[in-house]
PDB file of N, CA and C in Angstrom:
ATOM      1  N   MET A   1      11.703   0.588  -9.913  1.00  0.00           N
ATOM      2  CA  MET A   1      11.287   1.401  -8.795  1.00  0.00           C
ATOM      3  C   MET A   1      12.407   1.472  -7.775  1.00  0.00           C
ATOM      4  N   SER A   2      12.555   2.615  -7.221  1.00  0.00           N
ATOM      5  CA  SER A   2      13.585   2.789  -6.200  1.00  0.00           C
ATOM      6  C   SER A   2      12.960   2.693  -4.821  1.00  0.00           C
ATOM      7  N   PRO A   3      13.737   2.252  -3.827  1.00  0.00           N
ATOM      8  CA  PRO A   3      13.176   2.163  -2.480  1.00  0.00           C
ATOM      9  C   PRO A   3      12.877   3.546  -1.918  1.00  0.00           C
ATOM     10  N   HIS A   4      11.760   3.683  -1.287  1.00  0.00           N
ATOM     11  CA  HIS A   4      11.350   4.918  -0.620  1.00  0.00           C
ATOM     12  C   HIS A   4      10.728   4.530   0.714  1.00  0.00           C
ATOM     13  N   THR A   5      10.801   5.422   1.632  1.00  0.00           N
ATOM     14  CA  THR A   5      10.046   5.214   2.859  1.00  0.00           C
ATOM     15  C   THR A   5       8.699   5.894   2.693  1.00  0.00           C
ATOM     16  N   THR A   6       7.741   5.477   3.469  1.00  0.00           N
ATOM     17  CA  THR A   6       6.425   6.080   3.410  1.00  0.00           C
ATOM     18  C   THR A   6       6.508   7.579   3.669  1.00  0.00           C
ATOM     19  N   ASN A   7       7.456   8.020   4.498  1.00  0.00           N
ATOM     20  CA  ASN A   7       7.594   9.447   4.818  1.00  0.00           C
ATOM     21  C   ASN A   7       7.943  10.295   3.608  1.00  0.00           C
ATOM     22  N   GLN A   8       8.493   9.706   2.560  1.00  0.00           N
ATOM     23  CA  GLN A   8       8.873  10.459   1.373  1.00  0.00           C
ATOM     24  C   GLN A   8       7.716  10.650   0.398  1.00  0.00           C
ATOM     25  N   LEU A   9       6.586  10.030   0.666  1.00  0.00           N
ATOM     26  CA  LEU A   9       5.432  10.141  -0.216  1.00  0.00           C
ATOM     27  C   LEU A   9       4.635  11.406   0.109  1.00  0.00           C
ATOM     28  N   PRO A  10       3.867  11.914  -0.860  1.00  0.00           N
ATOM     29  CA  PRO A  10       2.996  13.055  -0.564  1.00  0.00           C
ATOM     30  C   PRO A  10       2.040  12.721   0.582  1.00  0.00           C
ATOM     31  N   ALA A  11       1.673  13.736   1.334  1.00  0.00           N
ATOM     32  CA  ALA A  11       0.851  13.547   2.536  1.00  0.00           C
ATOM     33  C   ALA A  11      -0.443  12.803   2.244  1.00  0.00           C
ATOM     34  N   VAL A  12      -1.131  13.117   1.151  1.00  0.00           N
ATOM     35  CA  VAL A  12      -2.412  12.469   0.887  1.00  0.00           C
ATOM     36  C   VAL A  12      -2.246  10.975   0.645  1.00  0.00           C
ATOM     37  N   ILE A  13      -1.136  10.564   0.054  1.00  0.00           N
ATOM     38  CA  ILE A  13      -0.892   9.132  -0.159  1.00  0.00           C
ATOM     39  C   ILE A  13      -0.538   8.465   1.164  1.00  0.00           C
ATOM     40  N   ARG A  14       0.286   9.119   1.967  1.00  0.00           N
ATOM     41  CA  ARG A  14       0.577   8.585   3.313  1.00  0.00           C
ATOM     42  C   ARG A  14      -0.708   8.441   4.107  1.00  0.00           C
ATOM     43  N   ASP A  15      -1.580   9.458   4.028  1.00  0.00           N
ATOM     44  CA  ASP A  15      -2.843   9.413   4.761  1.00  0.00           C
ATOM     45  C   ASP A  15      -3.722   8.260   4.277  1.00  0.00           C
ATOM     46  N   ALA A  16      -3.770   8.031   2.970  1.00  0.00           N
ATOM     47  CA  ALA A  16      -4.581   6.927   2.422  1.00  0.00           C
ATOM     48  C   ALA A  16      -4.046   5.577   2.896  1.00  0.00           C
ATOM     49  N   ILE A  17      -2.730   5.409   2.894  1.00  0.00           N
ATOM     50  CA  ILE A  17      -2.120   4.164   3.371  1.00  0.00           C
ATOM     51  C   ILE A  17      -2.399   3.985   4.857  1.00  0.00           C
ATOM     52  N   ASP A  18      -2.215   5.038   5.636  1.00  0.00           N
ATOM     53  CA  ASP A  18      -2.479   4.963   7.082  1.00  0.00           C
ATOM     54  C   ASP A  18      -3.939   4.632   7.359  1.00  0.00           C
ATOM     55  N   ALA A  19      -4.852   5.238   6.607  1.00  0.00           N
ATOM     56  CA  ALA A  19      -6.281   4.970   6.799  1.00  0.00           C
ATOM     57  C   ALA A  19      -6.605   3.522   6.459  1.00  0.00           C
ATOM     58  N   ALA A  20      -6.041   3.021   5.362  1.00  0.00           N
ATOM     59  CA  ALA A  20      -6.273   1.616   4.996  1.00  0.00           C
ATOM     60  C   ALA A  20      -5.741   0.696   6.086  1.00  0.00           C
ATOM     61  N   ASN A  21      -4.509   0.934   6.511  1.00  0.00           N
ATOM     62  CA  ASN A  21      -3.903   0.087   7.540  1.00  0.00           C
ATOM     63  C   ASN A  21      -4.623   0.208   8.880  1.00  0.00           C
ATOM     64  N   GLY A  22      -5.230   1.359   9.144  1.00  0.00           N
ATOM     65  CA  GLY A  22      -5.987   1.563  10.373  1.00  0.00           C
ATOM     66  C   GLY A  22      -7.441   1.145  10.250  1.00  0.00           C
ATOM     67  N   HIS A  23      -7.807   0.616   9.073  1.00  0.00           N
ATOM     68  CA  HIS A  23      -9.161   0.132   8.791  1.00  0.00           C
ATOM     69  C   HIS A  23     -10.203   1.229   9.029  1.00  0.00           C
ATOM     70  N   ASP A  24      -9.873   2.444   8.565  1.00  0.00           N
ATOM     71  CA  ASP A  24     -10.734   3.614   8.746  1.00  0.00           C
ATOM     72  C   ASP A  24     -11.242   4.071   7.372  1.00  0.00           C
ATOM     73  N   THR A  25     -12.400   3.572   7.009  1.00  0.00           N
ATOM     74  CA  THR A  25     -12.952   3.862   5.686  1.00  0.00           C
ATOM     75  C   THR A  25     -13.216   5.349   5.489  1.00  0.00           C
ATOM     76  N   ASP A  26     -13.752   6.022   6.498  1.00  0.00           N
ATOM     77  CA  ASP A  26     -14.043   7.445   6.350  1.00  0.00           C
ATOM     78  C   ASP A  26     -12.772   8.254   6.102  1.00  0.00           C
ATOM     79  N   ALA A  27     -11.706   7.945   6.818  1.00  0.00           N
ATOM     80  CA  ALA A  27     -10.434   8.647   6.612  1.00  0.00           C
ATOM     81  C   ALA A  27      -9.868   8.318   5.227  1.00  0.00           C
ATOM     82  N   PHE A  28     -10.030   7.081   4.777  1.00  0.00           N
ATOM     83  CA  PHE A  28      -9.577   6.682   3.442  1.00  0.00           C
ATOM     84  C   PHE A  28     -10.318   7.489   2.380  1.00  0.00           C
ATOM     85  N   LEU A  29     -11.638   7.568   2.505  1.00  0.00           N
ATOM     86  CA  LEU A  29     -12.436   8.307   1.523  1.00  0.00           C
ATOM     87  C   LEU A  29     -12.109   9.794   1.528  1.00  0.00           C
ATOM     88  N   ALA A  30     -11.737  10.325   2.678  1.00  0.00           N
ATOM     89  CA  ALA A  30     -11.391  11.746   2.774  1.00  0.00           C
ATOM     90  C   ALA A  30     -10.162  12.094   1.945  1.00  0.00           C
ATOM     91  N   CYS A  31      -9.385  11.102   1.563  1.00  0.00           N
ATOM     92  CA  CYS A  31      -8.197  11.321   0.731  1.00  0.00           C
ATOM     93  C   CYS A  31      -8.554  11.484  -0.743  1.00  0.00           C
ATOM     94  N   PHE A  32      -9.786  11.142  -1.112  1.00  0.00           N
ATOM     95  CA  PHE A  32     -10.208  11.146  -2.512  1.00  0.00           C
ATOM     96  C   PHE A  32     -11.042  12.375  -2.837  1.00  0.00           C
ATOM     97  N   ALA A  33     -10.879  12.872  -4.061  1.00  0.00           N
ATOM     98  CA  ALA A  33     -11.781  13.889  -4.586  1.00  0.00           C
ATOM     99  C   ALA A  33     -13.182  13.275  -4.654  1.00  0.00           C
ATOM    100  N   GLU A  34     -14.211  14.118  -4.623  1.00  0.00           N
ATOM    101  CA  GLU A  34     -15.595  13.615  -4.672  1.00  0.00           C
ATOM    102  C   GLU A  34     -15.825  12.704  -5.875  1.00  0.00           C
ATOM    103  N   ASP A  35     -15.217  13.024  -7.017  1.00  0.00           N
ATOM    104  CA  ASP A  35     -15.383  12.205  -8.214  1.00  0.00           C
ATOM    105  C   ASP A  35     -14.169  11.302  -8.441  1.00  0.00           C
ATOM    106  N   GLY A  36     -13.375  11.096  -7.391  1.00  0.00           N
ATOM    107  CA  GLY A  36     -12.213  10.216  -7.485  1.00  0.00           C
ATOM    108  C   GLY A  36     -12.632   8.788  -7.768  1.00  0.00           C
ATOM    109  N   ALA A  37     -11.647   7.969  -8.112  1.00  0.00           N
ATOM    110  CA  ALA A  37     -11.962   6.595  -8.505  1.00  0.00           C
ATOM    111  C   ALA A  37     -10.875   5.636  -8.059  1.00  0.00           C
ATOM    112  N   VAL A  38     -11.289   4.377  -7.978  1.00  0.00           N
ATOM    113  CA  VAL A  38     -10.374   3.263  -7.770  1.00  0.00           C
ATOM    114  C   VAL A  38     -10.525   2.350  -8.972  1.00  0.00           C
ATOM    115  N   ASP A  39      -9.400   2.004  -9.586  1.00  0.00           N
ATOM    116  CA  ASP A  39      -9.369   1.007 -10.663  1.00  0.00           C
ATOM    117  C   ASP A  39      -8.659  -0.208 -10.091  1.00  0.00           C
ATOM    118  N   ASP A  40      -9.433  -1.221  -9.736  1.00  0.00           N
ATOM    119  CA  ASP A  40      -8.913  -2.442  -9.121  1.00  0.00           C
ATOM    120  C   ASP A  40      -8.809  -3.514 -10.196  1.00  0.00           C
ATOM    121  N   TRP A  41      -7.643  -3.604 -10.783  1.00  0.00           N
ATOM    122  CA  TRP A  41      -7.358  -4.593 -11.822  1.00  0.00           C
ATOM    123  C   TRP A  41      -8.385  -4.533 -12.953  1.00  0.00           C
ATOM    124  N   GLY A  42      -8.753  -3.325 -13.363  1.00  0.00           N
ATOM    125  CA  GLY A  42      -9.648  -3.148 -14.498  1.00  0.00           C
ATOM    126  C   GLY A  42     -11.096  -2.888 -14.137  1.00  0.00           C
ATOM    127  N   SER A  43     -11.477  -3.052 -12.890  1.00  0.00           N
ATOM    128  CA  SER A  43     -12.834  -2.721 -12.452  1.00  0.00           C
ATOM    129  C   SER A  43     -12.800  -1.332 -11.829  1.00  0.00           C
ATOM    130  N   LEU A  44     -13.631  -0.422 -12.358  1.00  0.00           N
ATOM    131  CA  LEU A  44     -13.591   0.979 -11.955  1.00  0.00           C
ATOM    132  C   LEU A  44     -14.737   1.304 -10.998  1.00  0.00           C
ATOM    133  N   TYR A  45     -14.390   1.990  -9.907  1.00  0.00           N
ATOM    134  CA  TYR A  45     -15.347   2.428  -8.897  1.00  0.00           C
ATOM    135  C   TYR A  45     -15.157   3.931  -8.725  1.00  0.00           C
ATOM    136  N   ARG A  46     -16.193   4.712  -9.073  1.00  0.00           N
ATOM    137  CA  ARG A  46     -16.066   6.163  -9.084  1.00  0.00           C
ATOM    138  C   ARG A  46     -16.976   6.790  -8.035  1.00  0.00           C
ATOM    139  N   GLY A  47     -16.436   7.778  -7.331  1.00  0.00           N
ATOM    140  CA  GLY A  47     -17.188   8.490  -6.305  1.00  0.00           C
ATOM    141  C   GLY A  47     -17.110   7.769  -4.969  1.00  0.00           C
ATOM    142  N   HIS A  48     -17.349   8.517  -3.916  1.00  0.00           N
ATOM    143  CA  HIS A  48     -17.190   7.980  -2.562  1.00  0.00           C
ATOM    144  C   HIS A  48     -18.097   6.783  -2.284  1.00  0.00           C
ATOM    145  N   ASP A  49     -19.333   6.795  -2.778  1.00  0.00           N
ATOM    146  CA  ASP A  49     -20.239   5.675  -2.506  1.00  0.00           C
ATOM    147  C   ASP A  49     -19.733   4.380  -3.142  1.00  0.00           C
ATOM    148  N   GLU A  50     -19.322   4.438  -4.406  1.00  0.00           N
ATOM    149  CA  GLU A  50     -18.818   3.233  -5.077  1.00  0.00           C
ATOM    150  C   GLU A  50     -17.499   2.773  -4.459  1.00  0.00           C
ATOM    151  N   ILE A  51     -16.627   3.732  -4.109  1.00  0.00           N
ATOM    152  CA  ILE A  51     -15.356   3.355  -3.485  1.00  0.00           C
ATOM    153  C   ILE A  51     -15.623   2.704  -2.135  1.00  0.00           C
ATOM    154  N   ARG A  52     -16.561   3.228  -1.362  1.00  0.00           N
ATOM    155  CA  ARG A  52     -16.902   2.627  -0.064  1.00  0.00           C
ATOM    156  C   ARG A  52     -17.391   1.185  -0.250  1.00  0.00           C
ATOM    157  N   THR A  53     -18.298   0.983  -1.206  1.00  0.00           N
ATOM    158  CA  THR A  53     -18.824  -0.365  -1.451  1.00  0.00           C
ATOM    159  C   THR A  53     -17.700  -1.319  -1.833  1.00  0.00           C
ATOM    160  N   TRP A  54     -16.835  -0.888  -2.751  1.00  0.00           N
ATOM    161  CA  TRP A  54     -15.684  -1.711  -3.141  1.00  0.00           C
ATOM    162  C   TRP A  54     -14.798  -1.989  -1.935  1.00  0.00           C
ATOM    163  N   SER A  55     -14.474  -0.959  -1.174  1.00  0.00           N
ATOM    164  CA  SER A  55     -13.564  -1.110  -0.041  1.00  0.00           C
ATOM    165  C   SER A  55     -14.134  -2.054   1.014  1.00  0.00           C
ATOM    166  N   ASN A  56     -15.432  -1.942   1.292  1.00  0.00           N
ATOM    167  CA  ASN A  56     -16.048  -2.841   2.266  1.00  0.00           C
ATOM    168  C   ASN A  56     -15.933  -4.296   1.832  1.00  0.00           C
ATOM    169  N   ARG A  57     -15.988  -4.532   0.524  1.00  0.00           N
ATOM    170  CA  ARG A  57     -15.957  -5.888  -0.014  1.00  0.00           C
ATOM    171  C   ARG A  57     -14.533  -6.397  -0.279  1.00  0.00           C
ATOM    172  N   GLU A  58     -13.625  -5.496  -0.719  1.00  0.00           N
ATOM    173  CA  GLU A  58     -12.336  -5.947  -1.241  1.00  0.00           C
ATOM    174  C   GLU A  58     -11.102  -5.393  -0.540  1.00  0.00           C
ATOM    175  N   PHE A  59     -11.253  -4.380   0.301  1.00  0.00           N
ATOM    176  CA  PHE A  59     -10.076  -3.662   0.781  1.00  0.00           C
ATOM    177  C   PHE A  59     -10.123  -3.529   2.298  1.00  0.00           C
ATOM    178  N   ILE A  60     -10.620  -2.444   2.816  1.00  0.00           N
ATOM    179  CA  ILE A  60     -10.648  -2.237   4.265  1.00  0.00           C
ATOM    180  C   ILE A  60     -11.549  -3.269   4.945  1.00  0.00           C
ATOM    181  N   GLY A  61     -12.643  -3.638   4.306  1.00  0.00           N
ATOM    182  CA  GLY A  61     -13.567  -4.609   4.875  1.00  0.00           C
ATOM    183  C   GLY A  61     -12.984  -6.001   5.062  1.00  0.00           C
ATOM    184  N   VAL A  62     -11.893  -6.300   4.375  1.00  0.00           N
ATOM    185  CA  VAL A  62     -11.239  -7.606   4.545  1.00  0.00           C
ATOM    186  C   VAL A  62      -9.908  -7.457   5.276  1.00  0.00           C
ATOM    187  N   GLY A  63      -9.772  -6.347   6.003  1.00  0.00           N
ATOM    188  CA  GLY A  63      -8.600  -6.159   6.863  1.00  0.00           C
ATOM    189  C   GLY A  63      -7.301  -5.965   6.118  1.00  0.00           C
ATOM    190  N   VAL A  64      -7.338  -5.217   5.011  1.00  0.00           N
ATOM    191  CA  VAL A  64      -6.128  -4.997   4.216  1.00  0.00           C
ATOM    192  C   VAL A  64      -5.009  -4.405   5.075  1.00  0.00           C
ATOM    193  N   ILE A  65      -3.811  -4.805   4.768  1.00  0.00           N
ATOM    194  CA  ILE A  65      -2.601  -4.199   5.333  1.00  0.00           C
ATOM    195  C   ILE A  65      -1.663  -3.935   4.160  1.00  0.00           C
ATOM    196  N   LEU A  66      -1.244  -2.694   4.015  1.00  0.00           N
ATOM    197  CA  LEU A  66      -0.253  -2.322   3.005  1.00  0.00           C
ATOM    198  C   LEU A  66       1.062  -2.161   3.751  1.00  0.00           C
ATOM    199  N   ALA A  67       1.887  -3.192   3.668  1.00  0.00           N
ATOM    200  CA  ALA A  67       3.115  -3.244   4.460  1.00  0.00           C
ATOM    201  C   ALA A  67       4.323  -2.923   3.593  1.00  0.00           C
ATOM    202  N   ASP A  68       5.224  -2.173   4.149  1.00  0.00           N
ATOM    203  CA  ASP A  68       6.526  -1.951   3.531  1.00  0.00           C
ATOM    204  C   ASP A  68       6.450  -1.481   2.088  1.00  0.00           C
ATOM    205  N   VAL A  69       6.448  -0.188   1.915  1.00  0.00           N
ATOM    206  CA  VAL A  69       6.604   0.348   0.568  1.00  0.00           C
ATOM    207  C   VAL A  69       8.014  -0.024   0.132  1.00  0.00           C
ATOM    208  N   VAL A  70       8.113  -0.886  -0.872  1.00  0.00           N
ATOM    209  CA  VAL A  70       9.420  -1.381  -1.300  1.00  0.00           C
ATOM    210  C   VAL A  70       9.964  -0.634  -2.503  1.00  0.00           C
ATOM    211  N   GLY A  71       9.164   0.265  -3.049  1.00  0.00           N
ATOM    212  CA  GLY A  71       9.641   1.074  -4.153  1.00  0.00           C
ATOM    213  C   GLY A  71       8.605   2.096  -4.541  1.00  0.00           C
ATOM    214  N   ALA A  72       9.057   3.150  -5.183  1.00  0.00           N
ATOM    215  CA  ALA A  72       8.137   4.189  -5.645  1.00  0.00           C
ATOM    216  C   ALA A  72       8.752   4.881  -6.844  1.00  0.00           C
ATOM    217  N   ARG A  73       7.897   5.360  -7.717  1.00  0.00           N
ATOM    218  CA  ARG A  73       8.365   6.194  -8.828  1.00  0.00           C
ATOM    219  C   ARG A  73       7.323   7.260  -9.069  1.00  0.00           C
ATOM    220  N   GLU A  74       7.807   8.397  -9.521  1.00  0.00           N
ATOM    221  CA  GLU A  74       6.938   9.544  -9.711  1.00  0.00           C
ATOM    222  C   GLU A  74       7.075  10.056 -11.128  1.00  0.00           C
ATOM    223  N   SER A  75       5.939  10.383 -11.734  1.00  0.00           N
ATOM    224  CA  SER A  75       5.940  11.028 -13.041  1.00  0.00           C
ATOM    225  C   SER A  75       4.723  11.928 -13.120  1.00  0.00           C
ATOM    226  N   GLU A  76       4.954  13.203 -13.414  1.00  0.00           N
ATOM    227  CA  GLU A  76       3.906  14.215 -13.473  1.00  0.00           C
ATOM    228  C   GLU A  76       3.090  14.182 -12.186  1.00  0.00           C
ATOM    229  N   SER A  77       1.788  13.926 -12.289  1.00  0.00           N
ATOM    230  CA  SER A  77       0.940  13.922 -11.096  1.00  0.00           C
ATOM    231  C   SER A  77       0.676  12.505 -10.598  1.00  0.00           C
ATOM    232  N   ARG A  78       1.426  11.527 -11.100  1.00  0.00           N
ATOM    233  CA  ARG A  78       1.222  10.133 -10.696  1.00  0.00           C
ATOM    234  C   ARG A  78       2.399   9.632  -9.882  1.00  0.00           C
ATOM    235  N   ILE A  79       2.059   8.870  -8.858  1.00  0.00           N
ATOM    236  CA  ILE A  79       3.077   8.241  -8.016  1.00  0.00           C
ATOM    237  C   ILE A  79       2.702   6.781  -7.862  1.00  0.00           C
ATOM    238  N   ALA A  80       3.587   5.902  -8.293  1.00  0.00           N
ATOM    239  CA  ALA A  80       3.363   4.463  -8.177  1.00  0.00           C
ATOM    240  C   ALA A  80       4.179   3.937  -7.011  1.00  0.00           C
ATOM    241  N   ILE A  81       3.518   3.164  -6.162  1.00  0.00           N
ATOM    242  CA  ILE A  81       4.227   2.521  -5.070  1.00  0.00           C
ATOM    243  C   ILE A  81       4.068   1.011  -5.206  1.00  0.00           C
ATOM    244  N   ARG A  82       5.104   0.315  -4.843  1.00  0.00           N
ATOM    245  CA  ARG A  82       5.089  -1.151  -4.798  1.00  0.00           C
ATOM    246  C   ARG A  82       5.080  -1.517  -3.325  1.00  0.00           C
ATOM    247  N   THR A  83       4.157  -2.380  -2.938  1.00  0.00           N
ATOM    248  CA  THR A  83       4.004  -2.725  -1.532  1.00  0.00           C
ATOM    249  C   THR A  83       3.592  -4.184  -1.396  1.00  0.00           C
ATOM    250  N   ARG A  84       3.744  -4.705  -0.199  1.00  0.00           N
ATOM    251  CA  ARG A  84       3.215  -6.031   0.114  1.00  0.00           C
ATOM    252  C   ARG A  84       1.815  -5.845   0.667  1.00  0.00           C
ATOM    253  N   VAL A  85       0.869  -6.612   0.137  1.00  0.00           N
ATOM    254  CA  VAL A  85      -0.525  -6.530   0.557  1.00  0.00           C
ATOM    255  C   VAL A  85      -0.837  -7.757   1.406  1.00  0.00           C
ATOM    256  N   GLY A  86      -1.436  -7.525   2.562  1.00  0.00           N
ATOM    257  CA  GLY A  86      -1.848  -8.611   3.431  1.00  0.00           C
ATOM    258  C   GLY A  86      -3.273  -8.390   3.893  1.00  0.00           C
ATOM    259  N   GLY A  87      -3.765  -9.298   4.702  1.00  0.00           N
ATOM    260  CA  GLY A  87      -5.123  -9.209   5.232  1.00  0.00           C
ATOM    261  C   GLY A  87      -5.884 -10.473   4.911  1.00  0.00           C
ATOM    262  N   ASN A  88      -7.193 -10.365   4.904  1.00  0.00           N
ATOM    263  CA  ASN A  88      -8.044 -11.525   4.664  1.00  0.00           C
ATOM    264  C   ASN A  88      -8.561 -11.590   3.233  1.00  0.00           C
ATOM    265  N   GLY A  89      -7.960 -10.806   2.352  1.00  0.00           N
ATOM    266  CA  GLY A  89      -8.301 -10.831   0.931  1.00  0.00           C
ATOM    267  C   GLY A  89      -7.051 -11.214   0.160  1.00  0.00           C
ATOM    268  N   TYR A  90      -6.750 -10.451  -0.868  1.00  0.00           N
ATOM    269  CA  TYR A  90      -5.546 -10.681  -1.661  1.00  0.00           C
ATOM    270  C   TYR A  90      -4.317 -10.522  -0.779  1.00  0.00           C
ATOM    271  N   ASN A  91      -3.368 -11.435  -0.957  1.00  0.00           N
ATOM    272  CA  ASN A  91      -2.077 -11.342  -0.282  1.00  0.00           C
ATOM    273  C   ASN A  91      -0.981 -11.504  -1.320  1.00  0.00           C
ATOM    274  N   GLY A  92      -0.047 -10.593  -1.341  1.00  0.00           N
ATOM    275  CA  GLY A  92       1.052 -10.636  -2.294  1.00  0.00           C
ATOM    276  C   GLY A  92       1.501  -9.233  -2.616  1.00  0.00           C
ATOM    277  N   SER A  93       2.330  -9.131  -3.630  1.00  0.00           N
ATOM    278  CA  SER A  93       2.825  -7.823  -4.051  1.00  0.00           C
ATOM    279  C   SER A  93       1.775  -7.107  -4.874  1.00  0.00           C
ATOM    280  N   GLY A  94       1.808  -5.791  -4.803  1.00  0.00           N
ATOM    281  CA  GLY A  94       0.902  -5.001  -5.607  1.00  0.00           C
ATOM    282  C   GLY A  94       1.485  -3.643  -5.902  1.00  0.00           C
ATOM    283  N   THR A  95       1.060  -3.071  -7.009  1.00  0.00           N
ATOM    284  CA  THR A  95       1.445  -1.721  -7.368  1.00  0.00           C
ATOM    285  C   THR A  95       0.194  -0.849  -7.300  1.00  0.00           C
ATOM    286  N   PHE A  96       0.311   0.234  -6.563  1.00  0.00           N
ATOM    287  CA  PHE A  96      -0.767   1.201  -6.408  1.00  0.00           C
ATOM    288  C   PHE A  96      -0.270   2.497  -7.042  1.00  0.00           C
ATOM    289  N   THR A  97      -0.913   2.908  -8.123  1.00  0.00           N
ATOM    290  CA  THR A  97      -0.534   4.146  -8.796  1.00  0.00           C
ATOM    291  C   THR A  97      -1.586   5.197  -8.464  1.00  0.00           C
ATOM    292  N   PHE A  98      -1.133   6.250  -7.806  1.00  0.00           N
ATOM    293  CA  PHE A  98      -2.013   7.330  -7.372  1.00  0.00           C
ATOM    294  C   PHE A  98      -1.861   8.517  -8.307  1.00  0.00           C
ATOM    295  N   THR A  99      -2.989   9.051  -8.757  1.00  0.00           N
ATOM    296  CA  THR A  99      -3.013  10.322  -9.458  1.00  0.00           C
ATOM    297  C   THR A  99      -3.564  11.336  -8.461  1.00  0.00           C
ATOM    298  N   VAL A 100      -2.820  12.420  -8.281  1.00  0.00           N
ATOM    299  CA  VAL A 100      -3.158  13.415  -7.263  1.00  0.00           C
ATOM    300  C   VAL A 100      -3.349  14.773  -7.933  1.00  0.00           C
ATOM    301  N   LYS A 101      -4.413  15.455  -7.527  1.00  0.00           N
ATOM    302  CA  LYS A 101      -4.656  16.824  -7.997  1.00  0.00           C
ATOM    303  C   LYS A 101      -5.219  17.606  -6.821  1.00  0.00           C
ATOM    304  N   ASP A 102      -4.695  18.787  -6.594  1.00  0.00           N
ATOM    305  CA  ASP A 102      -5.142  19.662  -5.500  1.00  0.00           C
ATOM    306  C   ASP A 102      -5.134  18.927  -4.158  1.00  0.00           C
ATOM    307  N   ASP A 103      -4.084  18.147  -3.939  1.00  0.00           N
ATOM    308  CA  ASP A 103      -3.880  17.423  -2.680  1.00  0.00           C
ATOM    309  C   ASP A 103      -4.948  16.378  -2.381  1.00  0.00           C
ATOM    310  N   LEU A 104      -5.631  15.885  -3.419  1.00  0.00           N
ATOM    311  CA  LEU A 104      -6.585  14.791  -3.267  1.00  0.00           C
ATOM    312  C   LEU A 104      -6.304  13.738  -4.324  1.00  0.00           C
ATOM    313  N   VAL A 105      -6.603  12.488  -3.999  1.00  0.00           N
ATOM    314  CA  VAL A 105      -6.440  11.392  -4.956  1.00  0.00           C
ATOM    315  C   VAL A 105      -7.602  11.448  -5.933  1.00  0.00           C
ATOM    316  N   THR A 106      -7.279  11.483  -7.224  1.00  0.00           N
ATOM    317  CA  THR A 106      -8.326  11.422  -8.243  1.00  0.00           C
ATOM    318  C   THR A 106      -8.445  10.010  -8.804  1.00  0.00           C
ATOM    319  N   LEU A 107      -7.366   9.225  -8.677  1.00  0.00           N
ATOM    320  CA  LEU A 107      -7.409   7.829  -9.122  1.00  0.00           C
ATOM    321  C   LEU A 107      -6.377   7.028  -8.344  1.00  0.00           C
ATOM    322  N   MET A 108      -6.802   5.848  -7.868  1.00  0.00           N
ATOM    323  CA  MET A 108      -5.891   4.858  -7.304  1.00  0.00           C
ATOM    324  C   MET A 108      -6.034   3.625  -8.175  1.00  0.00           C
ATOM    325  N   HIS A 109      -5.005   3.324  -8.940  1.00  0.00           N
ATOM    326  CA  HIS A 109      -5.023   2.221  -9.895  1.00  0.00           C
ATOM    327  C   HIS A 109      -4.196   1.077  -9.303  1.00  0.00           C
ATOM    328  N   ILE A 110      -4.827  -0.086  -9.139  1.00  0.00           N
ATOM    329  CA  ILE A 110      -4.179  -1.245  -8.522  1.00  0.00           C
ATOM    330  C   ILE A 110      -3.868  -2.275  -9.589  1.00  0.00           C
ATOM    331  N   THR A 111      -2.590  -2.706  -9.634  1.00  0.00           N
ATOM    332  CA  THR A 111      -2.149  -3.744 -10.563  1.00  0.00           C
ATOM    333  C   THR A 111      -1.154  -4.642  -9.839  1.00  0.00           C
ATOM    334  N   ALA A 112      -0.715  -5.646 -10.549  1.00  0.00           N
ATOM    335  CA  ALA A 112       0.263  -6.589  -9.973  1.00  0.00           C
ATOM    336  C   ALA A 112       1.610  -5.948  -9.795  1.00  0.00           C
TER     337      ALA A 112
END
């Protein structure tokens, strides 16, 4: 992965990161298609209601901070970012791979 600044990412991904860091669940969900999904290390949450429940328990609800995008790579409609994750849940490095269609996230896949 090559270093990128957050400003070089597509707007919807920047908005999702900003919403997460601002602990704004509604703004985070607005970045997703209605049938969008989050795959958190193999557990899949589809649609705004399931993503909200997951986020309240594992992401925004535990004060997530996605600090310093340290790398990014793009292929077709997917953009993977490497970032440091902080907050009151998981802390460490993580890769977030976003699939984007029509300026909305259809999948956010989280891995190590």
